[in-house]
Amino acid sequence: MDSSIKDPTWEQLMLLRDLTKRTGVLHEIQVTNLKLWPMIAFTHAQTSEFTWDVDKHNVTFSLTTKGASPKSMRARFDWLDQSVKALLGPEWGITVNMNGKEKFSSTGKKILNE
């Protein structure tokens, strides 16, 4: 793709990222992504819920899983982490709980002037 061509979807997501940073509110499309991404990443997930803490820049996913874990769990955690950072900003981290146990945690990049 020609880098001089702007992607309107990406531009809209960046505007929403800025709005979340300023207001602490998530837009409907951000909520939809945060609801669906864990179910895509972890195919053995039966349910998925999330909470977010604007002050701590963290999204916590709570999943109920059944059956064997898929292969490449680390890659799946990393994908979810990078997706959240792309959606909300590099300063965001995630925590993933499965069946009540913390399985993964990341921190965000420190941003100056916060």
PDB file of N, CA and C in Angstrom:
ATOM      1  N   MET A   1       0.844  -1.181   0.000  1.00  0.00           N
ATOM      2  CA  MET A   1       0.000   0.000   0.000  1.00  0.00           C
ATOM      3  C   MET A   1       0.884   1.238   0.000  1.00  0.00           C
ATOM      4  N   ASP A   2       0.559   2.192  -0.821  1.00  0.00           N
ATOM      5  CA  ASP A   2       1.293   3.445  -0.911  1.00  0.00           C
ATOM      6  C   ASP A   2       1.164   4.196   0.413  1.00  0.00           C
ATOM      7  N   SER A   3       2.312   4.522   1.011  1.00  0.00           N
ATOM      8  CA  SER A   3       2.278   5.180   2.325  1.00  0.00           C
ATOM      9  C   SER A   3       1.690   6.587   2.268  1.00  0.00           C
ATOM     10  N   SER A   4       1.570   7.160   1.069  1.00  0.00           N
ATOM     11  CA  SER A   4       0.977   8.494   0.963  1.00  0.00           C
ATOM     12  C   SER A   4      -0.556   8.433   0.990  1.00  0.00           C
ATOM     13  N   ILE A   5      -1.112   7.233   0.809  1.00  0.00           N
ATOM     14  CA  ILE A   5      -2.561   7.069   0.870  1.00  0.00           C
ATOM     15  C   ILE A   5      -2.951   6.860   2.322  1.00  0.00           C
ATOM     16  N   LYS A   6      -3.878   7.665   2.790  1.00  0.00           N
ATOM     17  CA  LYS A   6      -4.295   7.571   4.188  1.00  0.00           C
ATOM     18  C   LYS A   6      -5.454   6.594   4.319  1.00  0.00           C
ATOM     19  N   ASP A   7      -5.397   5.806   5.374  1.00  0.00           N
ATOM     20  CA  ASP A   7      -6.452   4.837   5.673  1.00  0.00           C
ATOM     21  C   ASP A   7      -7.454   5.511   6.604  1.00  0.00           C
ATOM     22  N   PRO A   8      -8.678   5.777   6.126  1.00  0.00           N
ATOM     23  CA  PRO A   8      -9.652   6.486   6.970  1.00  0.00           C
ATOM     24  C   PRO A   8     -10.033   5.711   8.234  1.00  0.00           C
ATOM     25  N   THR A   9     -10.042   4.385   8.155  1.00  0.00           N
ATOM     26  CA  THR A   9     -10.371   3.594   9.347  1.00  0.00           C
ATOM     27  C   THR A   9      -9.309   3.786  10.414  1.00  0.00           C
ATOM     28  N   TRP A  10      -8.042   3.705  10.010  1.00  0.00           N
ATOM     29  CA  TRP A  10      -6.943   3.893  10.964  1.00  0.00           C
ATOM     30  C   TRP A  10      -6.982   5.303  11.549  1.00  0.00           C
ATOM     31  N   GLU A  11      -7.252   6.293  10.718  1.00  0.00           N
ATOM     32  CA  GLU A  11      -7.346   7.670  11.205  1.00  0.00           C
ATOM     33  C   GLU A  11      -8.449   7.802  12.253  1.00  0.00           C
ATOM     34  N   GLN A  12      -9.583   7.169  12.013  1.00  0.00           N
ATOM     35  CA  GLN A  12     -10.685   7.222  12.980  1.00  0.00           C
ATOM     36  C   GLN A  12     -10.299   6.554  14.296  1.00  0.00           C
ATOM     37  N   LEU A  13      -9.605   5.415  14.216  1.00  0.00           N
ATOM     38  CA  LEU A  13      -9.162   4.739  15.439  1.00  0.00           C
ATOM     39  C   LEU A  13      -8.183   5.600  16.228  1.00  0.00           C
ATOM     40  N   MET A  14      -7.324   6.332  15.528  1.00  0.00           N
ATOM     41  CA  MET A  14      -6.372   7.206  16.220  1.00  0.00           C
ATOM     42  C   MET A  14      -7.103   8.376  16.883  1.00  0.00           C
ATOM     43  N   LEU A  15      -8.153   8.878  16.252  1.00  0.00           N
ATOM     44  CA  LEU A  15      -8.960   9.929  16.878  1.00  0.00           C
ATOM     45  C   LEU A  15      -9.662   9.396  18.125  1.00  0.00           C
ATOM     46  N   LEU A  16     -10.152   8.170  18.048  1.00  0.00           N
ATOM     47  CA  LEU A  16     -10.800   7.557  19.212  1.00  0.00           C
ATOM     48  C   LEU A  16      -9.793   7.301  20.326  1.00  0.00           C
ATOM     49  N   ARG A  17      -8.576   6.915  19.956  1.00  0.00           N
ATOM     50  CA  ARG A  17      -7.514   6.715  20.952  1.00  0.00           C
ATOM     51  C   ARG A  17      -7.280   8.016  21.708  1.00  0.00           C
ATOM     52  N   ASP A  18      -7.209   9.120  20.978  1.00  0.00           N
ATOM     53  CA  ASP A  18      -6.995  10.425  21.609  1.00  0.00           C
ATOM     54  C   ASP A  18      -8.184  10.802  22.496  1.00  0.00           C
ATOM     55  N   LEU A  19      -9.386  10.524  22.023  1.00  0.00           N
ATOM     56  CA  LEU A  19     -10.587  10.820  22.812  1.00  0.00           C
ATOM     57  C   LEU A  19     -10.587  10.020  24.117  1.00  0.00           C
ATOM     58  N   THR A  20     -10.212   8.759  24.048  1.00  0.00           N
ATOM     59  CA  THR A  20     -10.127   7.928  25.254  1.00  0.00           C
ATOM     60  C   THR A  20      -9.085   8.488  26.211  1.00  0.00           C
ATOM     61  N   LYS A  21      -7.958   8.920  25.667  1.00  0.00           N
ATOM     62  CA  LYS A  21      -6.897   9.481  26.507  1.00  0.00           C
ATOM     63  C   LYS A  21      -7.395  10.731  27.241  1.00  0.00           C
ATOM     64  N   ARG A  22      -8.168  11.564  26.547  1.00  0.00           N
ATOM     65  CA  ARG A  22      -8.634  12.814  27.149  1.00  0.00           C
ATOM     66  C   ARG A  22      -9.832  12.642  28.082  1.00  0.00           C
ATOM     67  N   THR A  23     -10.701  11.674  27.777  1.00  0.00           N
ATOM     68  CA  THR A  23     -11.952  11.567  28.536  1.00  0.00           C
ATOM     69  C   THR A  23     -12.067  10.319  29.404  1.00  0.00           C
ATOM     70  N   GLY A  24     -11.281   9.295  29.097  1.00  0.00           N
ATOM     71  CA  GLY A  24     -11.393   8.032  29.824  1.00  0.00           C
ATOM     72  C   GLY A  24     -12.560   7.176  29.372  1.00  0.00           C
ATOM     73  N   VAL A  25     -13.214   7.575  28.294  1.00  0.00           N
ATOM     74  CA  VAL A  25     -14.388   6.866  27.786  1.00  0.00           C
ATOM     75  C   VAL A  25     -13.996   6.052  26.554  1.00  0.00           C
ATOM     76  N   LEU A  26     -14.530   4.842  26.467  1.00  0.00           N
ATOM     77  CA  LEU A  26     -14.315   4.005  25.291  1.00  0.00           C
ATOM     78  C   LEU A  26     -15.490   4.158  24.332  1.00  0.00           C
ATOM     79  N   HIS A  27     -15.175   4.229  23.053  1.00  0.00           N
ATOM     80  CA  HIS A  27     -16.192   4.274  22.003  1.00  0.00           C
ATOM     81  C   HIS A  27     -16.705   2.853  21.755  1.00  0.00           C
ATOM     82  N   GLU A  28     -17.888   2.760  21.194  1.00  0.00           N
ATOM     83  CA  GLU A  28     -18.528   1.464  20.924  1.00  0.00           C
ATOM     84  C   GLU A  28     -17.630   0.524  20.112  1.00  0.00           C
ATOM     85  N   ILE A  29     -16.923   1.033  19.115  1.00  0.00           N
ATOM     86  CA  ILE A  29     -16.071   0.159  18.300  1.00  0.00           C
ATOM     87  C   ILE A  29     -14.880  -0.355  19.117  1.00  0.00           C
ATOM     88  N   GLN A  30     -14.362   0.471  20.021  1.00  0.00           N
ATOM     89  CA  GLN A  30     -13.286   0.007  20.897  1.00  0.00           C
ATOM     90  C   GLN A  30     -13.795  -1.099  21.820  1.00  0.00           C
ATOM     91  N   VAL A  31     -14.981  -0.905  22.369  1.00  0.00           N
ATOM     92  CA  VAL A  31     -15.587  -1.915  23.247  1.00  0.00           C
ATOM     93  C   VAL A  31     -15.795  -3.221  22.483  1.00  0.00           C
ATOM     94  N   THR A  32     -16.309  -3.125  21.268  1.00  0.00           N
ATOM     95  CA  THR A  32     -16.531  -4.324  20.455  1.00  0.00           C
ATOM     96  C   THR A  32     -15.228  -5.076  20.228  1.00  0.00           C
ATOM     97  N   ASN A  33     -14.173  -4.359  19.870  1.00  0.00           N
ATOM     98  CA  ASN A  33     -12.878  -5.009  19.658  1.00  0.00           C
ATOM     99  C   ASN A  33     -12.383  -5.684  20.932  1.00  0.00           C
ATOM    100  N   LEU A  34     -12.478  -4.994  22.051  1.00  0.00           N
ATOM    101  CA  LEU A  34     -11.993  -5.552  23.313  1.00  0.00           C
ATOM    102  C   LEU A  34     -12.824  -6.756  23.760  1.00  0.00           C
ATOM    103  N   LYS A  35     -14.070  -6.815  23.357  1.00  0.00           N
ATOM    104  CA  LYS A  35     -14.906  -7.980  23.670  1.00  0.00           C
ATOM    105  C   LYS A  35     -14.537  -9.180  22.801  1.00  0.00           C
ATOM    106  N   LEU A  36     -14.270  -8.929  21.527  1.00  0.00           N
ATOM    107  CA  LEU A  36     -14.072 -10.024  20.575  1.00  0.00           C
ATOM    108  C   LEU A  36     -12.646 -10.552  20.504  1.00  0.00           C
ATOM    109  N   TRP A  37     -11.659  -9.690  20.645  1.00  0.00           N
ATOM    110  CA  TRP A  37     -10.274 -10.126  20.458  1.00  0.00           C
ATOM    111  C   TRP A  37      -9.866 -11.322  21.314  1.00  0.00           C
ATOM    112  N   PRO A  38     -10.218 -11.378  22.606  1.00  0.00           N
ATOM    113  CA  PRO A  38      -9.810 -12.554  23.388  1.00  0.00           C
ATOM    114  C   PRO A  38     -10.436 -13.854  22.873  1.00  0.00           C
ATOM    115  N   MET A  39     -11.639 -13.775  22.356  1.00  0.00           N
ATOM    116  CA  MET A  39     -12.306 -14.966  21.831  1.00  0.00           C
ATOM    117  C   MET A  39     -11.634 -15.441  20.539  1.00  0.00           C
ATOM    118  N   ILE A  40     -11.057 -14.514  19.803  1.00  0.00           N
ATOM    119  CA  ILE A  40     -10.317 -14.860  18.591  1.00  0.00           C
ATOM    120  C   ILE A  40      -8.957 -15.445  18.961  1.00  0.00           C
ATOM    121  N   ALA A  41      -8.286 -14.818  19.902  1.00  0.00           N
ATOM    122  CA  ALA A  41      -6.940 -15.253  20.290  1.00  0.00           C
ATOM    123  C   ALA A  41      -6.948 -16.596  21.005  1.00  0.00           C
ATOM    124  N   PHE A  42      -7.952 -16.805  21.838  1.00  0.00           N
ATOM    125  CA  PHE A  42      -7.990 -18.007  22.673  1.00  0.00           C
ATOM    126  C   PHE A  42      -9.229 -18.815  22.303  1.00  0.00           C
ATOM    127  N   THR A  43      -9.045 -19.714  21.370  1.00  0.00           N
ATOM    128  CA  THR A  43     -10.170 -20.448  20.796  1.00  0.00           C
ATOM    129  C   THR A  43     -10.853 -21.369  21.799  1.00  0.00           C
ATOM    130  N   HIS A  44     -10.218 -21.619  22.919  1.00  0.00           N
ATOM    131  CA  HIS A  44     -10.832 -22.467  23.947  1.00  0.00           C
ATOM    132  C   HIS A  44     -11.620 -21.643  24.970  1.00  0.00           C
ATOM    133  N   ALA A  45     -11.716 -20.344  24.735  1.00  0.00           N
ATOM    134  CA  ALA A  45     -12.465 -19.468  25.648  1.00  0.00           C
ATOM    135  C   ALA A  45     -13.965 -19.664  25.445  1.00  0.00           C
ATOM    136  N   GLN A  46     -14.664 -19.813  26.546  1.00  0.00           N
ATOM    137  CA  GLN A  46     -16.123 -19.940  26.521  1.00  0.00           C
ATOM    138  C   GLN A  46     -16.787 -18.580  26.723  1.00  0.00           C
ATOM    139  N   THR A  47     -16.200 -17.776  27.616  1.00  0.00           N
ATOM    140  CA  THR A  47     -16.698 -16.427  27.877  1.00  0.00           C
ATOM    141  C   THR A  47     -15.509 -15.492  28.033  1.00  0.00           C
ATOM    142  N   SER A  48     -15.765 -14.224  27.807  1.00  0.00           N
ATOM    143  CA  SER A  48     -14.728 -13.208  27.970  1.00  0.00           C
ATOM    144  C   SER A  48     -15.377 -11.902  28.416  1.00  0.00           C
ATOM    145  N   GLU A  49     -14.812 -11.318  29.444  1.00  0.00           N
ATOM    146  CA  GLU A  49     -15.236 -10.001  29.914  1.00  0.00           C
ATOM    147  C   GLU A  49     -13.982  -9.155  30.077  1.00  0.00           C
ATOM    148  N   PHE A  50     -14.163  -7.839  30.076  1.00  0.00           N
ATOM    149  CA  PHE A  50     -13.008  -6.978  30.319  1.00  0.00           C
ATOM    150  C   PHE A  50     -13.413  -5.782  31.162  1.00  0.00           C
ATOM    151  N   THR A  51     -12.426  -5.268  31.866  1.00  0.00           N
ATOM    152  CA  THR A  51     -12.552  -4.000  32.579  1.00  0.00           C
ATOM    153  C   THR A  51     -11.343  -3.169  32.203  1.00  0.00           C
ATOM    154  N   TRP A  52     -11.458  -1.855  32.357  1.00  0.00           N
ATOM    155  CA  TRP A  52     -10.315  -1.008  32.071  1.00  0.00           C
ATOM    156  C   TRP A  52     -10.156   0.014  33.178  1.00  0.00           C
ATOM    157  N   ASP A  53      -8.904   0.385  33.395  1.00  0.00           N
ATOM    158  CA  ASP A  53      -8.559   1.383  34.401  1.00  0.00           C
ATOM    159  C   ASP A  53      -7.752   2.467  33.695  1.00  0.00           C
ATOM    160  N   VAL A  54      -8.388   3.593  33.467  1.00  0.00           N
ATOM    161  CA  VAL A  54      -7.749   4.684  32.733  1.00  0.00           C
ATOM    162  C   VAL A  54      -6.539   5.225  33.487  1.00  0.00           C
ATOM    163  N   ASP A  55      -6.637   5.323  34.808  1.00  0.00           N
ATOM    164  CA  ASP A  55      -5.528   5.864  35.598  1.00  0.00           C
ATOM    165  C   ASP A  55      -4.300   4.964  35.552  1.00  0.00           C
ATOM    166  N   LYS A  56      -4.516   3.663  35.534  1.00  0.00           N
ATOM    167  CA  LYS A  56      -3.402   2.708  35.500  1.00  0.00           C
ATOM    168  C   LYS A  56      -3.050   2.271  34.082  1.00  0.00           C
ATOM    169  N   HIS A  57      -3.820   2.732  33.105  1.00  0.00           N
ATOM    170  CA  HIS A  57      -3.614   2.341  31.707  1.00  0.00           C
ATOM    171  C   HIS A  57      -3.541   0.826  31.569  1.00  0.00           C
ATOM    172  N   ASN A  58      -4.579   0.155  32.039  1.00  0.00           N
ATOM    173  CA  ASN A  58      -4.594  -1.298  31.996  1.00  0.00           C
ATOM    174  C   ASN A  58      -5.980  -1.815  31.627  1.00  0.00           C
ATOM    175  N   VAL A  59      -5.987  -2.850  30.792  1.00  0.00           N
ATOM    176  CA  VAL A  59      -7.208  -3.580  30.468  1.00  0.00           C
ATOM    177  C   VAL A  59      -7.049  -4.975  31.051  1.00  0.00           C
ATOM    178  N   THR A  60      -8.031  -5.410  31.823  1.00  0.00           N
ATOM    179  CA  THR A  60      -8.018  -6.753  32.396  1.00  0.00           C
ATOM    180  C   THR A  60      -9.078  -7.590  31.701  1.00  0.00           C
ATOM    181  N   PHE A  61      -8.635  -8.700  31.127  1.00  0.00           N
ATOM    182  CA  PHE A  61      -9.530  -9.649  30.482  1.00  0.00           C
ATOM    183  C   PHE A  61      -9.727 -10.826  31.423  1.00  0.00           C
ATOM    184  N   SER A  62     -10.969 -11.217  31.626  1.00  0.00           N
ATOM    185  CA  SER A  62     -11.299 -12.380  32.450  1.00  0.00           C
ATOM    186  C   SER A  62     -12.021 -13.382  31.563  1.00  0.00           C
ATOM    187  N   LEU A  63     -11.364 -14.517  31.337  1.00  0.00           N
ATOM    188  CA  LEU A  63     -11.898 -15.535  30.448  1.00  0.00           C
ATOM    189  C   LEU A  63     -12.234 -16.800  31.217  1.00  0.00           C
ATOM    190  N   THR A  64     -13.272 -17.459  30.776  1.00  0.00           N
ATOM    191  CA  THR A  64     -13.577 -18.808  31.228  1.00  0.00           C
ATOM    192  C   THR A  64     -13.225 -19.717  30.062  1.00  0.00           C
ATOM    193  N   THR A  65     -12.368 -20.698  30.315  1.00  0.00           N
ATOM    194  CA  THR A  65     -11.917 -21.572  29.239  1.00  0.00           C
ATOM    195  C   THR A  65     -12.318 -23.013  29.521  1.00  0.00           C
ATOM    196  N   LYS A  66     -12.338 -23.781  28.448  1.00  0.00           N
ATOM    197  CA  LYS A  66     -12.659 -25.201  28.561  1.00  0.00           C
ATOM    198  C   LYS A  66     -11.811 -25.946  27.541  1.00  0.00           C
ATOM    199  N   GLY A  67     -11.300 -27.085  27.944  1.00  0.00           N
ATOM    200  CA  GLY A  67     -10.506 -27.893  27.025  1.00  0.00           C
ATOM    201  C   GLY A  67      -9.045 -27.484  27.032  1.00  0.00           C
ATOM    202  N   ALA A  68      -8.310 -28.083  26.129  1.00  0.00           N
ATOM    203  CA  ALA A  68      -6.867 -27.853  26.045  1.00  0.00           C
ATOM    204  C   ALA A  68      -6.571 -26.458  25.511  1.00  0.00           C
ATOM    205  N   SER A  69      -5.511 -25.877  26.037  1.00  0.00           N
ATOM    206  CA  SER A  69      -5.066 -24.572  25.544  1.00  0.00           C
ATOM    207  C   SER A  69      -4.512 -24.737  24.136  1.00  0.00           C
ATOM    208  N   PRO A  70      -4.755 -23.762  23.270  1.00  0.00           N
ATOM    209  CA  PRO A  70      -4.178 -23.837  21.930  1.00  0.00           C
ATOM    210  C   PRO A  70      -2.661 -23.686  21.997  1.00  0.00           C
ATOM    211  N   LYS A  71      -2.002 -24.111  20.938  1.00  0.00           N
ATOM    212  CA  LYS A  71      -0.548 -23.969  20.871  1.00  0.00           C
ATOM    213  C   LYS A  71      -0.194 -22.492  20.765  1.00  0.00           C
ATOM    214  N   SER A  72       1.046 -22.197  21.036  1.00  0.00           N
ATOM    215  CA  SER A  72       1.575 -20.836  20.899  1.00  0.00           C
ATOM    216  C   SER A  72       0.842 -19.833  21.778  1.00  0.00           C
ATOM    217  N   MET A  73       0.622 -20.183  23.025  1.00  0.00           N
ATOM    218  CA  MET A  73      -0.076 -19.262  23.931  1.00  0.00           C
ATOM    219  C   MET A  73       0.670 -17.936  24.056  1.00  0.00           C
ATOM    220  N   ARG A  74       2.004 -17.979  24.140  1.00  0.00           N
ATOM    221  CA  ARG A  74       2.769 -16.732  24.280  1.00  0.00           C
ATOM    222  C   ARG A  74       2.504 -15.806  23.094  1.00  0.00           C
ATOM    223  N   ALA A  75       2.489 -16.352  21.906  1.00  0.00           N
ATOM    224  CA  ALA A  75       2.230 -15.536  20.714  1.00  0.00           C
ATOM    225  C   ALA A  75       0.822 -14.946  20.758  1.00  0.00           C
ATOM    226  N   ARG A  76      -0.117 -15.687  21.298  1.00  0.00           N
ATOM    227  CA  ARG A  76      -1.495 -15.212  21.401  1.00  0.00           C
ATOM    228  C   ARG A  76      -1.610 -14.087  22.431  1.00  0.00           C
ATOM    229  N   PHE A  77      -0.920 -14.230  23.564  1.00  0.00           N
ATOM    230  CA  PHE A  77      -0.885 -13.153  24.563  1.00  0.00           C
ATOM    231  C   PHE A  77      -0.247 -11.904  23.956  1.00  0.00           C
ATOM    232  N   ASP A  78       0.869 -12.101  23.254  1.00  0.00           N
ATOM    233  CA  ASP A  78       1.567 -10.964  22.646  1.00  0.00           C
ATOM    234  C   ASP A  78       0.697 -10.267  21.605  1.00  0.00           C
ATOM    235  N   TRP A  79      -0.034 -11.048  20.809  1.00  0.00           N
ATOM    236  CA  TRP A  79      -0.914 -10.460  19.800  1.00  0.00           C
ATOM    237  C   TRP A  79      -1.993  -9.603  20.464  1.00  0.00           C
ATOM    238  N   LEU A  80      -2.598 -10.134  21.528  1.00  0.00           N
ATOM    239  CA  LEU A  80      -3.637  -9.383  22.236  1.00  0.00           C
ATOM    240  C   LEU A  80      -3.055  -8.105  22.839  1.00  0.00           C
ATOM    241  N   ASP A  81      -1.881  -8.219  23.424  1.00  0.00           N
ATOM    242  CA  ASP A  81      -1.213  -7.061  24.019  1.00  0.00           C
ATOM    243  C   ASP A  81      -0.937  -5.985  22.966  1.00  0.00           C
ATOM    244  N   GLN A  82      -0.378  -6.382  21.834  1.00  0.00           N
ATOM    245  CA  GLN A  82      -0.064  -5.416  20.780  1.00  0.00           C
ATOM    246  C   GLN A  82      -1.335  -4.816  20.172  1.00  0.00           C
ATOM    247  N   SER A  83      -2.385  -5.598  20.095  1.00  0.00           N
ATOM    248  CA  SER A  83      -3.657  -5.089  19.566  1.00  0.00           C
ATOM    249  C   SER A  83      -4.239  -4.014  20.478  1.00  0.00           C
ATOM    250  N   VAL A  84      -4.174  -4.245  21.783  1.00  0.00           N
ATOM    251  CA  VAL A  84      -4.670  -3.248  22.744  1.00  0.00           C
ATOM    252  C   VAL A  84      -3.822  -1.983  22.666  1.00  0.00           C
ATOM    253  N   LYS A  85      -2.517  -2.136  22.563  1.00  0.00           N
ATOM    254  CA  LYS A  85      -1.634  -0.971  22.447  1.00  0.00           C
ATOM    255  C   LYS A  85      -1.936  -0.180  21.169  1.00  0.00           C
ATOM    256  N   ALA A  86      -2.217  -0.872  20.081  1.00  0.00           N
ATOM    257  CA  ALA A  86      -2.564  -0.186  18.835  1.00  0.00           C
ATOM    258  C   ALA A  86      -3.892   0.556  18.973  1.00  0.00           C
ATOM    259  N   LEU A  87      -4.835  -0.043  19.682  1.00  0.00           N
ATOM    260  CA  LEU A  87      -6.168   0.544  19.832  1.00  0.00           C
ATOM    261  C   LEU A  87      -6.198   1.710  20.815  1.00  0.00           C
ATOM    262  N   LEU A  88      -5.497   1.561  21.951  1.00  0.00           N
ATOM    263  CA  LEU A  88      -5.605   2.549  23.030  1.00  0.00           C
ATOM    264  C   LEU A  88      -4.348   3.385  23.239  1.00  0.00           C
ATOM    265  N   GLY A  89      -3.201   2.895  22.811  1.00  0.00           N
ATOM    266  CA  GLY A  89      -1.952   3.628  22.964  1.00  0.00           C
ATOM    267  C   GLY A  89      -0.872   2.758  23.581  1.00  0.00           C
ATOM    268  N   PRO A  90       0.396   3.092  23.319  1.00  0.00           N
ATOM    269  CA  PRO A  90       1.513   2.272  23.807  1.00  0.00           C
ATOM    270  C   PRO A  90       1.661   2.281  25.320  1.00  0.00           C
ATOM    271  N   GLU A  91       1.007   3.221  25.988  1.00  0.00           N
ATOM    272  CA  GLU A  91       1.101   3.307  27.451  1.00  0.00           C
ATOM    273  C   GLU A  91       0.194   2.290  28.152  1.00  0.00           C
ATOM    274  N   TRP A  92      -0.618   1.573  27.398  1.00  0.00           N
ATOM    275  CA  TRP A  92      -1.555   0.604  27.971  1.00  0.00           C
ATOM    276  C   TRP A  92      -0.922  -0.769  28.099  1.00  0.00           C
ATOM    277  N   GLY A  93      -1.262  -1.442  29.189  1.00  0.00           N
ATOM    278  CA  GLY A  93      -0.870  -2.829  29.408  1.00  0.00           C
ATOM    279  C   GLY A  93      -2.120  -3.670  29.572  1.00  0.00           C
ATOM    280  N   ILE A  94      -1.915  -4.978  29.626  1.00  0.00           N
ATOM    281  CA  ILE A  94      -3.058  -5.871  29.809  1.00  0.00           C
ATOM    282  C   ILE A  94      -2.761  -6.903  30.890  1.00  0.00           C
ATOM    283  N   THR A  95      -3.830  -7.426  31.448  1.00  0.00           N
ATOM    284  CA  THR A  95      -3.782  -8.577  32.341  1.00  0.00           C
ATOM    285  C   THR A  95      -4.802  -9.568  31.800  1.00  0.00           C
ATOM    286  N   VAL A  96      -4.390 -10.828  31.685  1.00  0.00           N
ATOM    287  CA  VAL A  96      -5.304 -11.865  31.209  1.00  0.00           C
ATOM    288  C   VAL A  96      -5.463 -12.903  32.309  1.00  0.00           C
ATOM    289  N   ASN A  97      -6.689 -13.052  32.771  1.00  0.00           N
ATOM    290  CA  ASN A  97      -7.034 -14.074  33.762  1.00  0.00           C
ATOM    291  C   ASN A  97      -7.844 -15.156  33.069  1.00  0.00           C
ATOM    292  N   MET A  98      -7.470 -16.409  33.331  1.00  0.00           N
ATOM    293  CA  MET A  98      -8.213 -17.546  32.794  1.00  0.00           C
ATOM    294  C   MET A  98      -8.666 -18.413  33.950  1.00  0.00           C
ATOM    295  N   ASN A  99      -9.978 -18.598  34.030  1.00  0.00           N
ATOM    296  CA  ASN A  99     -10.566 -19.397  35.112  1.00  0.00           C
ATOM    297  C   ASN A  99     -10.098 -18.912  36.481  1.00  0.00           C
ATOM    298  N   GLY A 100     -10.008 -17.588  36.632  1.00  0.00           N
ATOM    299  CA  GLY A 100      -9.674 -16.978  37.910  1.00  0.00           C
ATOM    300  C   GLY A 100      -8.196 -16.868  38.221  1.00  0.00           C
ATOM    301  N   LYS A 101      -7.322 -17.326  37.317  1.00  0.00           N
ATOM    302  CA  LYS A 101      -5.880 -17.269  37.563  1.00  0.00           C
ATOM    303  C   LYS A 101      -5.210 -16.361  36.539  1.00  0.00           C
ATOM    304  N   GLU A 102      -4.312 -15.509  37.035  1.00  0.00           N
ATOM    305  CA  GLU A 102      -3.586 -14.632  36.119  1.00  0.00           C
ATOM    306  C   GLU A 102      -2.611 -15.457  35.292  1.00  0.00           C
ATOM    307  N   LYS A 103      -2.725 -15.323  33.966  1.00  0.00           N
ATOM    308  CA  LYS A 103      -1.869 -16.074  33.048  1.00  0.00           C
ATOM    309  C   LYS A 103      -0.880 -15.188  32.306  1.00  0.00           C
ATOM    310  N   PHE A 104      -1.183 -13.886  32.228  1.00  0.00           N
ATOM    311  CA  PHE A 104      -0.309 -12.975  31.483  1.00  0.00           C
ATOM    312  C   PHE A 104      -0.545 -11.562  31.985  1.00  0.00           C
ATOM    313  N   SER A 105       0.529 -10.795  32.012  1.00  0.00           N
ATOM    314  CA  SER A 105       0.434  -9.388  32.389  1.00  0.00           C
ATOM    315  C   SER A 105       1.513  -8.617  31.646  1.00  0.00           C
ATOM    316  N   SER A 106       1.162  -7.455  31.162  1.00  0.00           N
ATOM    317  CA  SER A 106       2.135  -6.583  30.509  1.00  0.00           C
ATOM    318  C   SER A 106       1.949  -5.165  31.027  1.00  0.00           C
ATOM    319  N   THR A 107       2.969  -4.384  30.864  1.00  0.00           N
ATOM    320  CA  THR A 107       2.884  -2.971  31.215  1.00  0.00           C
ATOM    321  C   THR A 107       3.012  -2.152  29.944  1.00  0.00           C
ATOM    322  N   GLY A 108       2.568  -0.940  30.031  1.00  0.00           N
ATOM    323  CA  GLY A 108       2.678  -0.051  28.895  1.00  0.00           C
ATOM    324  C   GLY A 108       3.955   0.762  28.964  1.00  0.00           C
ATOM    325  N   LYS A 109       4.241   1.406  27.867  1.00  0.00           N
ATOM    326  CA  LYS A 109       5.401   2.273  27.755  1.00  0.00           C
ATOM    327  C   LYS A 109       5.114   3.572  28.496  1.00  0.00           C
ATOM    328  N   LYS A 110       6.073   4.024  29.289  1.00  0.00           N
ATOM    329  CA  LYS A 110       5.912   5.304  29.987  1.00  0.00           C
ATOM    330  C   LYS A 110       5.919   6.430  28.960  1.00  0.00           C
ATOM    331  N   ILE A 111       4.934   7.295  29.068  1.00  0.00           N
ATOM    332  CA  ILE A 111       4.815   8.444  28.178  1.00  0.00           C
ATOM    333  C   ILE A 111       5.127   9.694  28.993  1.00  0.00           C
ATOM    334  N   LEU A 112       6.043  10.503  28.504  1.00  0.00           N
ATOM    335  CA  LEU A 112       6.381  11.746  29.196  1.00  0.00           C
ATOM    336  C   LEU A 112       5.214  12.718  29.122  1.00  0.00           C
ATOM    337  N   ASN A 113       5.168  13.629  30.064  1.00  0.00           N
ATOM    338  CA  ASN A 113       4.128  14.664  30.139  1.00  0.00           C
ATOM    339  C   ASN A 113       2.754  14.110  30.469  1.00  0.00           C
ATOM    340  N   GLU A 114       2.683  13.053  31.239  1.00  0.00           N
ATOM    341  CA  GLU A 114       1.378  12.535  31.681  1.00  0.00           C
ATOM    342  C   GLU A 114       1.138  12.923  33.098  1.00  0.00           C
TER     343      GLU A 114
END
